[in-house]
N, C-alpha and C. Protein backbone atom coordinates (compact mmCIF):
# COMPACT_ATOMS: atom_id res chain seq x y z
N UNK A 1 75.99 66.68 -115.76
CA UNK A 1 76.87 66.59 -116.86
C UNK A 1 77.74 67.32 -116.92
N UNK A 2 78.98 67.18 -117.46
CA UNK A 2 80.21 67.76 -117.35
C UNK A 2 80.84 68.61 -118.81
N UNK A 3 81.23 69.77 -118.47
CA UNK A 3 81.57 70.83 -119.74
C UNK A 3 82.86 70.93 -119.71
N UNK A 4 83.29 71.04 -120.98
CA UNK A 4 84.67 71.60 -120.97
C UNK A 4 84.65 73.38 -121.73
N UNK A 5 84.86 74.05 -120.98
CA UNK A 5 84.63 75.58 -121.37
C UNK A 5 86.64 75.84 -121.76
N UNK A 6 86.33 76.48 -122.87
CA UNK A 6 87.64 76.78 -123.89
C UNK A 6 87.46 78.09 -124.21
N UNK A 7 88.08 79.20 -123.21
CA UNK A 7 87.77 80.44 -123.68
C UNK A 7 88.93 81.34 -123.10
N UNK A 8 89.82 82.11 -123.70
CA UNK A 8 90.94 82.83 -123.47
C UNK A 8 90.66 84.17 -122.68
N UNK A 9 89.50 84.69 -122.98
CA UNK A 9 88.86 85.93 -122.40
C UNK A 9 88.71 85.75 -120.65
N UNK A 10 89.37 86.48 -119.72
CA UNK A 10 89.07 85.94 -118.34
C UNK A 10 87.74 86.32 -117.80
N UNK A 11 87.37 87.48 -118.15
CA UNK A 11 85.98 88.00 -117.57
C UNK A 11 85.02 87.16 -118.34
N UNK A 12 84.70 86.62 -119.53
CA UNK A 12 83.90 85.81 -119.70
C UNK A 12 84.00 84.51 -119.40
N UNK A 13 84.98 84.04 -119.00
CA UNK A 13 85.03 82.73 -118.75
C UNK A 13 84.44 82.85 -117.36
N UNK A 14 84.97 83.64 -116.61
CA UNK A 14 84.21 83.72 -115.25
C UNK A 14 82.95 83.63 -114.94
N UNK A 15 82.31 84.58 -116.10
CA UNK A 15 80.62 84.86 -116.22
C UNK A 15 80.11 83.45 -116.79
N UNK A 16 80.48 82.67 -117.75
CA UNK A 16 80.11 81.44 -118.29
C UNK A 16 80.34 80.23 -117.14
N UNK A 17 81.40 80.25 -116.57
CA UNK A 17 81.76 79.05 -115.57
C UNK A 17 80.66 79.20 -114.52
N UNK A 18 80.27 80.70 -114.13
CA UNK A 18 79.19 80.63 -113.16
C UNK A 18 77.88 80.62 -113.48
N UNK A 19 77.30 80.62 -114.72
CA UNK A 19 76.26 80.26 -115.29
C UNK A 19 76.35 78.89 -115.53
N UNK A 20 77.30 78.19 -116.07
CA UNK A 20 77.01 76.50 -116.01
C UNK A 20 77.25 75.97 -115.10
N UNK A 21 77.73 76.47 -114.15
CA UNK A 21 77.70 75.93 -112.67
C UNK A 21 76.30 75.96 -112.15
N UNK A 22 75.79 77.24 -112.12
CA UNK A 22 74.30 77.33 -111.52
C UNK A 22 73.49 76.37 -112.32
N UNK A 23 73.42 76.19 -113.57
CA UNK A 23 72.77 75.22 -114.05
C UNK A 23 72.98 73.98 -114.23
N UNK A 24 74.00 73.44 -113.00
CA UNK A 24 73.98 72.08 -112.73
C UNK A 24 74.91 71.20 -113.61
N UNK A 25 76.15 72.26 -113.92
CA UNK A 25 77.10 71.39 -114.96
C UNK A 25 78.44 71.22 -114.10
N UNK A 26 79.09 70.51 -114.30
CA UNK A 26 80.38 70.44 -113.40
C UNK A 26 81.26 71.04 -114.53
N UNK A 27 82.07 72.02 -114.47
CA UNK A 27 82.82 72.69 -115.59
C UNK A 27 84.53 72.66 -115.31
N UNK A 28 85.08 72.48 -116.43
CA UNK A 28 86.62 72.46 -116.48
C UNK A 28 86.80 73.49 -117.51
N UNK A 29 87.93 74.17 -117.12
CA UNK A 29 88.14 75.51 -118.04
C UNK A 29 89.29 75.81 -118.72
N UNK A 30 89.83 75.69 -119.80
CA UNK A 30 91.13 75.86 -120.57
C UNK A 30 90.83 77.26 -121.00
N UNK A 31 92.67 77.83 -121.06
CA UNK A 31 92.55 79.23 -121.57
C UNK A 31 93.02 79.37 -122.75
N UNK A 32 93.84 78.22 -123.37
CA UNK A 32 94.22 78.31 -124.59
C UNK A 32 94.13 76.85 -125.33
N UNK A 33 94.27 76.64 -126.52
CA UNK A 33 94.14 75.42 -127.37
C UNK A 33 94.96 74.20 -126.68
N UNK A 34 96.24 74.60 -126.39
CA UNK A 34 97.00 73.20 -126.09
C UNK A 34 96.59 72.70 -124.95
N UNK A 35 96.21 73.31 -123.65
CA UNK A 35 95.42 72.79 -122.68
C UNK A 35 93.89 72.51 -122.98
N UNK A 36 93.23 72.80 -124.05
CA UNK A 36 91.86 72.55 -124.24
C UNK A 36 92.12 70.97 -124.98
N UNK A 37 93.21 70.78 -125.93
CA UNK A 37 93.51 69.66 -126.54
C UNK A 37 93.66 68.33 -125.77
N UNK A 38 94.69 68.77 -124.83
CA UNK A 38 95.13 67.75 -123.81
C UNK A 38 93.57 67.28 -122.81
N UNK A 39 93.08 68.48 -122.56
CA UNK A 39 91.71 68.00 -121.42
C UNK A 39 90.55 67.11 -122.28
N UNK A 40 90.51 67.79 -123.68
CA UNK A 40 89.67 66.98 -124.26
C UNK A 40 90.24 65.80 -124.64
N UNK A 41 91.51 65.28 -124.94
CA UNK A 41 92.03 64.36 -125.26
C UNK A 41 91.91 63.05 -124.09
N UNK A 42 91.95 63.72 -122.86
CA UNK A 42 92.06 62.80 -121.86
C UNK A 42 90.95 62.50 -120.91
N UNK A 43 90.01 63.33 -121.14
CA UNK A 43 88.70 63.58 -119.75
C UNK A 43 87.53 63.16 -120.56
N UNK A 44 86.53 62.81 -120.09
CA UNK A 44 85.50 62.17 -120.67
C UNK A 44 84.28 63.51 -120.89
N UNK A 45 84.04 64.25 -121.59
CA UNK A 45 83.16 65.43 -121.42
C UNK A 45 81.86 65.11 -121.96
N UNK A 46 80.79 65.63 -121.63
CA UNK A 46 79.61 65.49 -122.20
C UNK A 46 79.13 66.47 -123.33
N UNK A 47 79.84 67.59 -123.11
CA UNK A 47 79.79 68.70 -124.16
C UNK A 47 81.03 69.70 -124.08
N UNK A 48 81.45 70.32 -125.23
CA UNK A 48 82.14 71.39 -125.07
C UNK A 48 81.81 72.62 -125.75
N UNK A 49 82.41 73.56 -125.09
CA UNK A 49 81.99 74.95 -125.55
C UNK A 49 83.74 75.45 -125.98
N UNK A 50 83.99 75.76 -127.30
CA UNK A 50 85.09 76.15 -128.04
C UNK A 50 85.17 77.48 -128.50
N UNK A 51 85.98 78.03 -127.89
CA UNK A 51 86.54 79.29 -128.39
C UNK A 51 87.11 79.43 -129.66
N UNK A 52 87.22 80.04 -131.17
CA UNK A 52 87.97 80.00 -132.03
C UNK A 52 88.96 80.34 -131.85
N UNK A 53 89.10 81.77 -131.56
CA UNK A 53 90.28 83.01 -131.24
C UNK A 53 91.10 82.45 -130.01
N UNK A 54 91.84 81.32 -129.95
CA UNK A 54 92.66 80.86 -128.88
C UNK A 54 94.20 81.10 -129.19
N UNK A 55 94.95 81.48 -128.22
CA UNK A 55 96.37 81.29 -127.73
C UNK A 55 96.96 79.98 -127.96
N UNK A 56 98.16 79.83 -128.42
CA UNK A 56 98.70 78.53 -128.80
C UNK A 56 98.64 77.71 -130.05
N UNK A 57 97.05 77.17 -130.01
CA UNK A 57 96.54 76.47 -130.86
C UNK A 57 94.95 77.17 -131.33
N UNK A 58 94.54 77.34 -132.38
CA UNK A 58 93.33 77.94 -132.71
C UNK A 58 92.42 77.00 -132.53
N UNK A 59 91.17 77.27 -132.14
CA UNK A 59 89.85 76.45 -132.34
C UNK A 59 89.92 75.33 -133.12
N UNK A 60 89.60 75.84 -134.44
CA UNK A 60 89.45 74.89 -135.25
C UNK A 60 90.80 73.36 -135.61
N UNK A 61 91.66 74.11 -135.39
CA UNK A 61 92.78 73.10 -135.29
C UNK A 61 92.78 72.05 -134.10
N UNK A 62 92.07 72.26 -132.89
CA UNK A 62 91.85 71.77 -131.80
C UNK A 62 90.80 70.72 -132.20
N UNK A 63 89.67 71.46 -132.61
CA UNK A 63 88.53 70.38 -133.30
C UNK A 63 88.89 69.42 -134.21
N UNK A 64 89.49 69.95 -134.89
CA UNK A 64 90.21 68.71 -136.30
C UNK A 64 90.81 67.68 -135.39
N UNK A 65 91.82 68.18 -134.50
CA UNK A 65 92.61 66.77 -133.97
C UNK A 65 91.71 66.20 -132.92
N UNK A 66 90.63 66.95 -132.44
CA UNK A 66 89.51 65.84 -131.78
C UNK A 66 89.04 64.98 -132.52
N UNK A 67 88.64 65.45 -133.59
CA UNK A 67 87.58 64.39 -134.46
C UNK A 67 88.49 63.56 -135.23
N UNK A 68 89.67 63.66 -135.51
CA UNK A 68 90.70 62.88 -136.11
C UNK A 68 91.10 61.77 -135.40
N UNK A 69 91.04 62.14 -134.03
CA UNK A 69 91.24 60.96 -133.26
C UNK A 69 90.13 60.27 -132.77
N UNK A 70 88.96 60.67 -133.11
CA UNK A 70 87.88 59.81 -132.98
C UNK A 70 86.94 60.30 -131.98
N UNK A 71 87.32 61.68 -131.56
CA UNK A 71 86.42 62.21 -130.34
C UNK A 71 84.84 62.46 -131.01
N UNK A 72 84.09 62.18 -130.20
CA UNK A 72 82.68 62.55 -130.88
C UNK A 72 81.87 63.48 -130.16
N UNK A 73 82.39 63.79 -128.78
CA UNK A 73 81.85 64.79 -127.93
C UNK A 73 81.06 66.17 -128.86
N UNK A 74 79.93 66.75 -128.42
CA UNK A 74 79.31 67.73 -129.12
C UNK A 74 80.07 68.68 -128.66
N UNK A 75 80.39 69.57 -129.78
CA UNK A 75 81.04 70.75 -129.71
C UNK A 75 80.56 72.06 -130.06
N UNK A 76 80.23 73.02 -129.38
CA UNK A 76 79.46 74.43 -129.60
C UNK A 76 80.64 75.46 -129.44
N UNK A 77 80.68 75.70 -130.93
CA UNK A 77 81.65 76.89 -131.42
C UNK A 77 81.47 78.12 -130.95
N UNK A 78 82.38 79.16 -130.26
CA UNK A 78 82.06 80.69 -130.25
C UNK A 78 83.15 81.34 -131.09
N UNK A 79 82.46 82.33 -131.63
CA UNK A 79 83.26 82.93 -132.19
C UNK A 79 83.10 84.65 -132.34
N UNK A 80 84.05 85.45 -132.41
CA UNK A 80 83.76 86.98 -132.43
C UNK A 80 83.77 87.31 -133.73
N UNK A 81 84.06 86.13 -134.82
CA UNK A 81 84.38 86.82 -136.39
C UNK A 81 82.94 86.33 -136.68
N UNK A 82 82.40 87.51 -137.65
CA UNK A 82 81.50 87.53 -138.37
C UNK A 82 81.19 86.90 -139.58
N UNK A 83 82.68 86.60 -140.27
CA UNK A 83 82.51 85.98 -141.74
C UNK A 83 82.05 84.72 -141.66
N UNK A 84 80.71 84.14 -142.77
CA UNK A 84 80.38 83.27 -143.03
C UNK A 84 81.40 82.14 -143.04
N UNK A 85 82.63 82.36 -143.55
CA UNK A 85 83.77 81.43 -143.65
C UNK A 85 84.24 80.74 -142.53
N UNK A 86 84.09 81.62 -141.24
CA UNK A 86 84.80 81.15 -140.10
C UNK A 86 83.80 79.97 -139.49
N UNK A 87 82.51 80.30 -139.61
CA UNK A 87 81.44 79.11 -139.50
C UNK A 87 81.34 78.08 -140.20
N UNK A 88 82.01 77.92 -141.44
CA UNK A 88 82.00 77.02 -142.20
C UNK A 88 83.06 76.24 -142.13
N UNK A 89 83.99 76.94 -141.55
CA UNK A 89 85.40 76.28 -141.17
C UNK A 89 84.98 75.33 -139.91
N UNK A 90 84.52 75.89 -139.01
CA UNK A 90 84.12 74.91 -137.58
C UNK A 90 83.10 74.14 -137.97
N UNK A 91 82.07 74.00 -138.82
CA UNK A 91 81.18 73.20 -139.12
C UNK A 91 82.17 71.96 -139.52
N UNK A 92 82.82 72.29 -140.73
CA UNK A 92 83.70 71.46 -141.39
C UNK A 92 84.91 70.37 -140.57
N UNK A 93 84.91 71.60 -139.54
CA UNK A 93 86.11 70.58 -138.51
C UNK A 93 85.45 69.97 -137.50
N UNK A 94 83.98 70.02 -137.66
CA UNK A 94 83.31 68.79 -136.87
C UNK A 94 82.35 69.55 -135.73
N UNK A 95 82.32 70.86 -135.81
CA UNK A 95 81.37 71.51 -134.81
C UNK A 95 80.01 70.92 -134.96
N UNK A 96 79.34 70.85 -133.76
CA UNK A 96 77.79 70.77 -133.75
C UNK A 96 76.55 71.97 -134.12
N UNK A 97 77.39 73.06 -133.48
CA UNK A 97 76.43 74.36 -133.12
C UNK A 97 77.48 75.38 -132.95
N UNK A 98 77.20 76.54 -133.18
CA UNK A 98 77.95 77.77 -133.16
C UNK A 98 77.05 79.06 -132.39
N UNK A 99 77.47 79.91 -131.89
CA UNK A 99 77.27 81.05 -131.45
C UNK A 99 78.22 82.55 -131.76
N UNK A 100 77.56 83.45 -132.40
CA UNK A 100 78.43 84.72 -132.57
C UNK A 100 78.70 85.77 -131.35
N UNK A 101 79.58 85.85 -130.85
CA UNK A 101 79.80 86.87 -129.50
C UNK A 101 79.35 88.45 -130.22
N UNK A 102 78.61 88.87 -129.48
CA UNK A 102 78.22 88.83 -128.12
C UNK A 102 76.90 88.07 -128.45
N UNK A 103 76.71 87.12 -127.21
CA UNK A 103 75.47 86.26 -127.05
C UNK A 103 74.94 86.55 -125.80
N UNK A 104 73.68 85.91 -125.75
CA UNK A 104 72.90 86.07 -124.31
C UNK A 104 73.19 84.49 -123.56
N UNK A 105 73.62 84.65 -122.40
CA UNK A 105 73.94 83.55 -121.68
C UNK A 105 72.89 82.03 -121.76
N UNK A 106 71.64 82.71 -121.84
CA UNK A 106 70.50 82.18 -122.04
C UNK A 106 70.42 81.16 -123.14
N UNK A 107 70.93 81.74 -124.38
CA UNK A 107 70.77 81.15 -125.59
C UNK A 107 72.00 79.80 -125.44
N UNK A 108 73.03 80.41 -124.88
CA UNK A 108 74.01 79.38 -124.90
C UNK A 108 73.71 78.13 -124.17
N UNK A 109 73.05 78.46 -122.72
CA UNK A 109 72.47 77.31 -122.35
C UNK A 109 71.46 76.54 -122.97
N UNK A 110 70.69 76.70 -123.58
CA UNK A 110 69.49 76.21 -124.61
C UNK A 110 70.20 75.45 -125.40
N UNK A 111 71.14 76.05 -125.91
CA UNK A 111 71.78 75.55 -127.35
C UNK A 111 72.54 74.12 -126.67
N UNK A 112 73.38 74.19 -125.45
CA UNK A 112 73.75 73.14 -124.87
C UNK A 112 72.94 71.86 -124.44
N UNK A 113 71.74 72.47 -124.25
CA UNK A 113 70.78 71.35 -123.90
C UNK A 113 70.13 70.63 -124.95
N UNK A 114 70.15 71.41 -126.04
CA UNK A 114 69.43 70.70 -127.33
C UNK A 114 70.69 69.72 -127.79
N UNK A 115 71.98 70.16 -127.63
CA UNK A 115 72.85 69.39 -127.80
C UNK A 115 73.10 68.08 -127.13
N UNK A 116 73.06 68.05 -125.97
CA UNK A 116 72.98 67.08 -125.25
C UNK A 116 71.74 65.92 -125.26
N UNK A 117 70.32 66.61 -125.46
CA UNK A 117 69.38 65.85 -125.86
C UNK A 117 69.51 65.05 -127.26
N UNK A 118 70.07 65.81 -128.25
CA UNK A 118 70.52 65.02 -129.39
C UNK A 118 71.59 64.04 -129.66
N UNK A 119 72.40 64.29 -128.47
CA UNK A 119 73.41 63.09 -128.32
C UNK A 119 72.78 61.95 -127.63
N UNK A 120 71.85 62.22 -126.50
CA UNK A 120 71.40 61.05 -125.93
C UNK A 120 70.18 60.29 -126.79
N UNK A 121 69.90 61.17 -128.21
CA UNK A 121 68.68 60.45 -128.76
C UNK A 121 67.27 60.94 -128.03
N UNK A 122 67.22 61.97 -127.31
CA UNK A 122 65.96 62.64 -126.73
C UNK A 122 65.41 63.65 -127.64
N UNK A 123 64.06 63.60 -127.63
CA UNK A 123 63.50 64.74 -128.05
C UNK A 123 63.06 65.82 -127.31
N UNK A 124 62.35 65.56 -126.06
CA UNK A 124 61.59 66.11 -125.31
C UNK A 124 62.68 67.19 -124.71
N UNK A 125 62.07 68.06 -124.45
CA UNK A 125 62.78 69.39 -123.48
C UNK A 125 62.96 68.91 -122.17
N UNK A 126 61.98 68.05 -121.61
CA UNK A 126 62.07 67.64 -120.12
C UNK A 126 62.38 66.22 -120.08
N UNK A 127 62.70 65.49 -119.01
CA UNK A 127 63.15 64.30 -118.90
C UNK A 127 62.17 63.74 -118.03
N UNK A 128 61.66 62.19 -118.31
CA UNK A 128 60.95 61.61 -117.30
C UNK A 128 61.41 60.47 -117.14
N UNK A 129 61.08 59.31 -116.23
CA UNK A 129 60.99 58.20 -116.06
C UNK A 129 60.06 57.64 -115.18
N UNK A 130 58.92 57.11 -115.51
CA UNK A 130 57.89 56.84 -114.52
C UNK A 130 57.20 58.25 -113.81
N UNK A 131 57.51 58.14 -112.82
CA UNK A 131 56.84 59.37 -111.89
C UNK A 131 57.81 60.49 -111.64
N UNK A 132 58.89 60.15 -112.48
CA UNK A 132 60.25 61.09 -112.05
C UNK A 132 60.22 62.07 -113.23
N UNK A 133 60.73 63.54 -112.91
CA UNK A 133 60.71 64.66 -113.93
C UNK A 133 61.38 65.60 -113.73
N UNK A 134 62.04 65.85 -115.08
CA UNK A 134 63.62 66.86 -114.43
C UNK A 134 63.76 67.56 -115.62
N UNK A 135 63.42 68.84 -115.47
CA UNK A 135 63.44 70.13 -116.18
C UNK A 135 64.68 70.73 -116.45
N UNK A 136 65.59 70.16 -117.27
CA UNK A 136 67.16 71.05 -117.11
C UNK A 136 67.09 72.50 -117.67
N UNK A 137 65.87 73.10 -118.03
CA UNK A 137 65.82 74.59 -118.16
C UNK A 137 65.75 75.10 -116.97
N UNK A 138 65.12 74.52 -116.08
CA UNK A 138 64.86 75.42 -114.50
C UNK A 138 65.65 74.80 -113.78
N UNK A 139 66.65 73.47 -113.88
CA UNK A 139 67.54 72.98 -112.81
C UNK A 139 66.52 72.38 -111.77
N UNK A 140 64.98 71.66 -112.19
CA UNK A 140 64.37 71.16 -111.21
C UNK A 140 63.70 70.04 -111.40
N UNK A 141 63.66 69.06 -110.41
CA UNK A 141 63.15 67.75 -110.45
C UNK A 141 61.87 67.63 -109.51
N UNK A 142 61.17 66.65 -109.90
CA UNK A 142 59.87 66.22 -109.02
C UNK A 142 59.62 64.54 -109.03
N UNK A 143 58.99 64.46 -108.17
CA UNK A 143 58.61 62.81 -108.37
C UNK A 143 57.25 62.56 -108.05
N UNK A 144 56.20 62.31 -108.63
CA UNK A 144 54.90 61.99 -108.82
C UNK A 144 54.31 63.56 -108.39
N UNK A 145 54.97 64.31 -109.00
CA UNK A 145 54.45 65.92 -108.84
C UNK A 145 55.02 66.63 -107.86
N UNK A 146 55.41 65.75 -106.65
CA UNK A 146 56.10 66.58 -105.50
C UNK A 146 57.74 67.16 -105.99
N UNK A 147 57.94 68.43 -105.71
CA UNK A 147 58.95 68.79 -105.93
C UNK A 147 60.29 68.47 -105.20
N UNK A 148 61.23 67.74 -105.85
CA UNK A 148 62.26 67.42 -105.03
C UNK A 148 63.47 68.34 -104.51
N UNK A 149 63.58 68.35 -103.25
CA UNK A 149 65.20 69.23 -102.83
C UNK A 149 66.22 68.35 -102.96
N UNK A 150 66.98 68.66 -103.89
CA UNK A 150 68.12 67.98 -104.33
C UNK A 150 69.37 69.06 -104.05
N UNK A 151 70.65 68.70 -103.60
CA UNK A 151 71.70 69.21 -103.68
C UNK A 151 72.35 69.24 -105.16
N UNK A 152 73.45 70.11 -105.35
CA UNK A 152 74.21 70.08 -106.55
C UNK A 152 74.15 68.90 -107.17
N UNK A 153 75.09 68.13 -106.37
CA UNK A 153 75.61 66.87 -106.70
C UNK A 153 74.27 65.70 -106.63
N UNK A 154 73.32 65.80 -106.01
CA UNK A 154 72.33 65.13 -106.06
C UNK A 154 71.56 65.16 -107.33
N UNK A 155 71.36 66.50 -107.83
CA UNK A 155 70.80 66.90 -108.90
C UNK A 155 71.58 66.28 -110.01
N UNK A 156 73.04 66.33 -110.39
CA UNK A 156 73.54 66.12 -111.55
C UNK A 156 73.67 64.44 -111.39
N UNK A 157 73.68 63.74 -110.25
CA UNK A 157 73.55 62.12 -110.26
C UNK A 157 71.99 62.05 -111.19
N UNK A 158 71.18 62.63 -110.73
CA UNK A 158 69.68 62.17 -111.00
C UNK A 158 69.56 62.77 -112.70
N UNK A 159 70.31 63.90 -113.12
CA UNK A 159 70.29 64.20 -114.52
C UNK A 159 70.86 63.07 -115.43
N UNK A 160 72.44 62.70 -114.89
CA UNK A 160 72.82 62.10 -115.72
C UNK A 160 72.02 60.59 -115.72
N UNK A 161 71.67 59.91 -114.81
CA UNK A 161 71.03 58.51 -114.98
C UNK A 161 69.83 58.86 -115.80
N UNK A 162 69.12 59.95 -115.60
CA UNK A 162 67.79 60.08 -116.45
C UNK A 162 68.19 60.19 -117.94
N UNK A 163 69.35 60.72 -118.13
CA UNK A 163 69.86 61.00 -119.46
C UNK A 163 70.17 59.65 -120.19
N UNK A 164 70.55 58.64 -119.27
CA UNK A 164 70.89 57.21 -119.65
C UNK A 164 70.18 56.23 -118.87
N UNK A 165 69.07 56.62 -118.73
CA UNK A 165 68.05 55.53 -118.12
C UNK A 165 67.79 54.28 -118.87
N UNK A 166 67.87 53.27 -117.90
CA UNK A 166 67.84 52.17 -118.67
C UNK A 166 69.30 51.16 -118.65
N UNK A 167 70.14 52.04 -119.22
CA UNK A 167 71.82 51.67 -118.95
C UNK A 167 72.42 51.43 -117.91
N UNK A 168 73.15 50.48 -117.61
CA UNK A 168 73.89 50.15 -116.23
C UNK A 168 75.08 51.07 -116.43
N UNK A 169 75.06 51.98 -115.36
CA UNK A 169 76.51 53.05 -115.44
C UNK A 169 77.42 52.85 -114.20
N UNK A 170 78.49 52.51 -114.71
CA UNK A 170 79.71 52.24 -113.88
C UNK A 170 79.77 53.48 -112.65
N UNK A 171 80.54 53.19 -111.54
CA UNK A 171 80.59 53.92 -110.33
C UNK A 171 81.77 55.06 -111.39
N UNK A 172 82.74 54.33 -112.07
CA UNK A 172 83.87 55.26 -112.28
C UNK A 172 83.08 56.21 -113.76
N UNK A 173 82.43 55.72 -114.45
CA UNK A 173 81.77 56.69 -115.10
C UNK A 173 80.68 57.85 -114.60
N UNK A 174 80.06 57.47 -113.59
CA UNK A 174 79.58 58.77 -112.74
C UNK A 174 80.60 59.65 -112.35
N UNK A 175 81.70 59.09 -111.75
CA UNK A 175 83.04 60.17 -111.22
C UNK A 175 83.17 61.00 -112.28
N UNK A 176 83.51 60.47 -113.49
CA UNK A 176 84.34 61.34 -114.58
C UNK A 176 83.25 62.27 -114.86
N UNK A 177 82.19 61.67 -114.84
CA UNK A 177 81.01 62.65 -115.41
C UNK A 177 80.05 64.25 -114.34
N UNK A 178 80.41 63.39 -113.39
CA UNK A 178 79.49 64.44 -112.08
C UNK A 178 80.72 65.39 -111.27
N UNK A 179 82.20 65.12 -111.51
CA UNK A 179 83.00 66.24 -110.91
C UNK A 179 83.86 66.41 -111.73
N UNK A 180 84.05 68.08 -111.45
CA UNK A 180 85.11 68.43 -112.42
C UNK A 180 86.47 68.44 -111.81
N UNK A 181 87.63 68.71 -113.18
CA UNK A 181 88.57 68.28 -112.36
C UNK A 181 89.34 68.30 -111.31
N UNK A 182 88.99 69.44 -110.75
CA UNK A 182 89.57 70.09 -109.34
C UNK A 182 89.12 69.23 -108.22
N UNK A 183 87.93 68.65 -108.34
CA UNK A 183 87.21 67.95 -107.41
C UNK A 183 88.05 66.65 -106.71
N UNK A 184 88.32 66.68 -105.27
CA UNK A 184 88.58 65.20 -104.87
C UNK A 184 87.76 63.99 -104.91
N UNK A 185 88.12 63.52 -106.24
CA UNK A 185 87.38 62.18 -106.78
C UNK A 185 87.85 61.12 -106.11
N UNK A 186 86.44 60.50 -105.64
CA UNK A 186 86.47 59.15 -104.73
C UNK A 186 84.95 58.40 -105.58
N UNK A 187 85.37 57.02 -105.81
CA UNK A 187 84.17 56.64 -105.99
C UNK A 187 83.10 55.86 -105.49
N UNK A 188 83.89 55.92 -103.71
CA UNK A 188 83.07 55.57 -102.79
C UNK A 188 82.17 56.37 -102.36
N UNK A 189 82.32 57.81 -102.63
CA UNK A 189 80.95 58.94 -102.30
C UNK A 189 80.06 58.28 -103.53
N UNK A 190 80.06 58.05 -104.78
CA UNK A 190 78.84 57.96 -105.46
C UNK A 190 77.97 57.11 -104.64
N UNK A 191 78.28 56.03 -103.71
CA UNK A 191 77.68 55.37 -103.09
C UNK A 191 76.36 55.93 -102.09
N UNK A 192 77.40 57.13 -101.44
CA UNK A 192 76.59 57.98 -100.47
C UNK A 192 75.44 58.76 -101.48
N UNK A 193 75.72 59.25 -102.38
CA UNK A 193 74.76 60.01 -103.32
C UNK A 193 73.84 59.37 -103.45
N UNK A 194 73.92 58.14 -104.15
CA UNK A 194 72.97 57.13 -104.42
C UNK A 194 72.12 57.09 -103.41
N UNK A 195 72.51 56.69 -102.17
CA UNK A 195 71.59 56.35 -101.24
C UNK A 195 70.82 57.61 -100.44
N UNK A 196 71.51 58.75 -100.71
CA UNK A 196 70.74 59.94 -100.31
C UNK A 196 69.36 59.96 -101.53
N UNK A 197 69.75 59.60 -102.68
CA UNK A 197 69.12 60.23 -103.81
C UNK A 197 67.72 59.11 -103.83
N UNK A 198 68.15 57.86 -103.56
CA UNK A 198 67.00 57.35 -103.00
C UNK A 198 66.07 57.19 -102.15
N UNK A 199 66.49 57.86 -100.99
CA UNK A 199 65.79 58.21 -100.07
C UNK A 199 64.55 59.30 -100.55
N UNK A 200 64.99 60.39 -101.58
CA UNK A 200 64.00 61.11 -101.93
C UNK A 200 63.31 60.66 -103.04
N UNK A 201 63.70 60.01 -104.08
CA UNK A 201 62.98 59.50 -105.20
C UNK A 201 62.39 58.24 -104.88
N UNK A 202 62.54 57.30 -103.83
CA UNK A 202 62.27 56.00 -103.63
C UNK A 202 63.18 55.21 -103.89
N UNK A 203 63.31 54.05 -103.02
CA UNK A 203 64.47 53.12 -103.23
C UNK A 203 64.52 52.17 -104.25
N UNK A 204 63.47 51.90 -104.55
CA UNK A 204 63.62 51.04 -105.87
C UNK A 204 63.58 51.53 -107.51
N UNK A 205 63.70 52.67 -107.69
CA UNK A 205 64.18 53.47 -108.87
C UNK A 205 65.51 53.13 -109.45
N UNK A 206 66.42 53.23 -108.45
CA UNK A 206 67.72 52.98 -108.94
C UNK A 206 68.31 51.61 -108.38
N UNK A 207 68.54 50.82 -109.72
CA UNK A 207 69.04 49.61 -109.26
C UNK A 207 70.47 49.04 -108.91
N UNK A 208 70.92 48.61 -108.32
CA UNK A 208 72.13 48.21 -108.04
C UNK A 208 72.53 47.01 -109.01
N UNK A 209 73.28 47.00 -109.76
CA UNK A 209 73.49 45.66 -110.33
C UNK A 209 75.18 45.57 -109.91
N UNK A 210 75.23 44.23 -109.26
CA UNK A 210 76.34 43.90 -108.54
C UNK A 210 77.61 43.85 -109.04
N UNK A 211 78.50 44.61 -108.80
CA UNK A 211 79.93 44.56 -109.75
C UNK A 211 79.90 45.31 -110.84
N UNK A 212 78.74 46.01 -111.48
CA UNK A 212 78.81 46.55 -112.60
C UNK A 212 78.72 47.96 -112.32
N UNK A 213 77.32 48.36 -111.58
CA UNK A 213 77.15 49.90 -111.47
C UNK A 213 75.49 49.98 -111.02
N UNK A 214 74.99 51.09 -111.42
CA UNK A 214 73.55 51.58 -111.27
C UNK A 214 72.70 51.52 -112.56
N UNK A 215 71.69 51.39 -112.39
CA UNK A 215 70.65 51.58 -113.48
C UNK A 215 69.37 52.22 -113.25
N UNK A 216 68.58 53.29 -113.84
CA UNK A 216 67.35 53.71 -113.20
C UNK A 216 66.32 53.42 -114.40
N UNK A 217 65.80 52.61 -113.52
CA UNK A 217 64.23 52.40 -114.29
C UNK A 217 62.81 52.76 -113.72
N UNK A 218 61.85 52.83 -114.37
CA UNK A 218 60.74 53.02 -113.66
C UNK A 218 59.94 51.88 -112.75
N UNK A 219 59.28 52.27 -111.70
CA UNK A 219 58.64 51.42 -111.00
C UNK A 219 57.73 50.33 -111.92
N UNK A 220 57.27 49.23 -111.15
CA UNK A 220 56.56 48.30 -112.15
C UNK A 220 54.97 49.03 -112.64
N UNK A 221 54.45 49.00 -113.81
CA UNK A 221 53.41 49.80 -113.87
C UNK A 221 53.70 51.16 -114.34
N UNK A 222 54.67 51.63 -114.22
CA UNK A 222 55.22 52.89 -114.90
C UNK A 222 55.71 53.02 -116.04
N UNK A 223 55.21 53.69 -117.00
CA UNK A 223 55.98 54.23 -118.39
C UNK A 223 57.41 54.74 -118.34
N UNK A 224 58.23 54.18 -119.13
CA UNK A 224 59.51 54.62 -119.21
C UNK A 224 60.21 56.09 -119.15
N UNK A 225 59.39 56.84 -120.23
CA UNK A 225 59.37 58.31 -120.39
C UNK A 225 60.54 58.49 -121.56
N UNK A 226 61.13 59.53 -121.43
CA UNK A 226 61.84 59.69 -122.19
C UNK A 226 63.41 60.82 -121.48
């Protein structure tokens, strides 16, 4: 899953970017509201972490512009302000959740997982598709009870496919959601990672829909899961 982190504090940004990357996210960072608005307007993120007190354009204004332009990406706002009116302004602008600084990184990660589940219409904290299981909290996956040893990109690929199981997902969509802005994006590498993943989870769980993309489905006789 791909996240936009909007925070002007350099130390906090490094800390959060490291924690998000360790949790399996592809992370882009913006240090001011102007850059944040541009990235959020031009790149397809799964979730946004947005500080309110930003240089150039404040976070509430950035969020209002996104929502006015029809951007529906879930947004978690960060604020050092304790006034309830600031939280109300954030929610009225279109925020989905908030955290007040200082906060524990684990709480931020938990709230992001909840936002992603809600946006995908998933109630359970773990994902399943037949014999496949994925626990975003621990960044671990298994097939028929056997732990899977996955690289970071293989994990991101499996996570995205399981969040959208049953739907055909194009190579372009996978590239946009698996890689951060600085990665050398090449849709042909998706074939490589799909091939590697098939070797680990079984060749028939990921269907190639010719000319359209890939679809994750349970094997015959398995339940779809959630």
